[in-house]
Amino acid sequence: MTRRVLVVDDDAAVREALSQTLELADLDPVTAGSFVVARDVISREFDGVVVSDMRMPGRDGFHLLTHTQQVDADLPVILLTGEGDIPMAVQAMGQGAFDFLEKPCAPKELLAVIERALKTRALVLENRALKQQLETGDPAARMLFGASVAAEGLRKTVREVSRAGARAGAEVFVTGPAGSGISKVAEVIHLCSARSKEPFVKRAGAGLTREALGQAVEAAGNGALFIDEVQMMAMDAQLMLLDLLEAKGAVRIILGSTVDVQQDVAQGRFHAELFYRLDPMKLRIPSLSERPEDIPVMFRQYVAQAAEQSGLAVPEIPAEVIASLMARDWPGNARALMSVAMRFVLGLGVNLGEVEAGQSGVSLSEQMAQVERALIIEALRRTGGQATQAALDLQLPRKTFYDKLSKHGLRPEAFRD
């Protein structure tokens, strides 16, 4: 989490005293003696908050607030005011000031307000970063969320497979558990390829006849045809699909399945030759249970998307919600997490009292360890890897906190920019 505080006051002694107070609280003060100097520091990218005296020669704190609002209305400004300035400070609150404090102000009170303002600023910047990531030009980064090794490996493989799509007959077989996003991965493969401007046609394998398959190929043209649950195709359509793959035509064919197709081969429901053609081209999507560290990242992304879709503000996500989500087994994978995110944005709760079907075999101590690890991860993420502040937030002694870091294999530096 950002720790910078811009201190604006024309009195050098006051600036120095405030700076010392902030440094003792593990904050990063930046000082300015006038409106003009402060103006050069304030920007939409400023990753901190502003604390300004109300009365200064020339342009005062009220002018500074007005300028800040014009640059970034979401940048918190805390005003320090004398007794005679209170009516003006109240007016400033109405025009967007985060808070005002009457001088002389107790350090504890000032630090409490600053901490609230910093959390607000961090949330704003995080939401902007999420939105920017959603709008990035890389479809793999924009659509396939997660920060784990498994997630990055999936994005890398998708990009590599996409580049291979320029060759005729370079099909791919996407597999994974139900709800893991097979259809989305197939679409990203297409969007990352040189064929991205061409059609992307999706068809369900169930009920797909030879005639319908031929029509789908024609509709896809030089683009891509994605067939989901390919094992459910009729046998004559499977034979036609095999012929299409062997012919290496213009269309790029992407297939998907949530089951072990080899069992269908053994039971005579899936053509063996088609299976052996596809098996080497398999791309597997890991389940959420295999990469639980991605749950907070993915949930925030889904919350941001749900808020945009519903026209609502992105809500703050409490650490206990993240901890509860990470303690689940998520048999429904990404699809279930996406549904919970929409409920959360709509204010319907996230059913935190429910236990997922796959969680029943996990002992209480294991569940508590998962929750503890999740809370520590969230504290480190929120404080930008500042171990001292994370320990304070969790109300843990420093030694105890470091013991828990070691227990869970966590390194504070991994959460720093």
Foldseek 3Di string as FASTA:
>chain_A
DAQEEEEEALDPVVLVVVCVLSVVVVGHYDYDNDLVRVLVQAAPPNLFAYEAEQDDPDDGPLNSLVSNCVRPLQHAYEYEYEPVCVVVQVVSVVVRHQYYDYPPDDSVVVVVSRVVNNLSSVVVVVLVVLVVQCVDPQLLSNQQFFDDPLSVVLSVVLLVLLAVLVFQLSEAEEEEAAQLQSVSSVLSSQCNHPQNVFDEAEEEQAPCDLVNVVVQCVNRPLGEYEYEQVLNHAAVNLVVVVVNSVVRDNYHYYYYHHDDCVVCVVVVSHPPVSCVVHVVRYDYRYFCLVPLVRLVRLLQSLLSVLCVVVVHDRDDDDLQNSLLRSLANPSNGSNLSSVLSNCVRVVNHNPSVDHDPVNPPPDPVRSVLSSVVSLLVVLLLSVQLPLVSSCVVVVHPSVVSVVNCVVVVHHSNVSHD
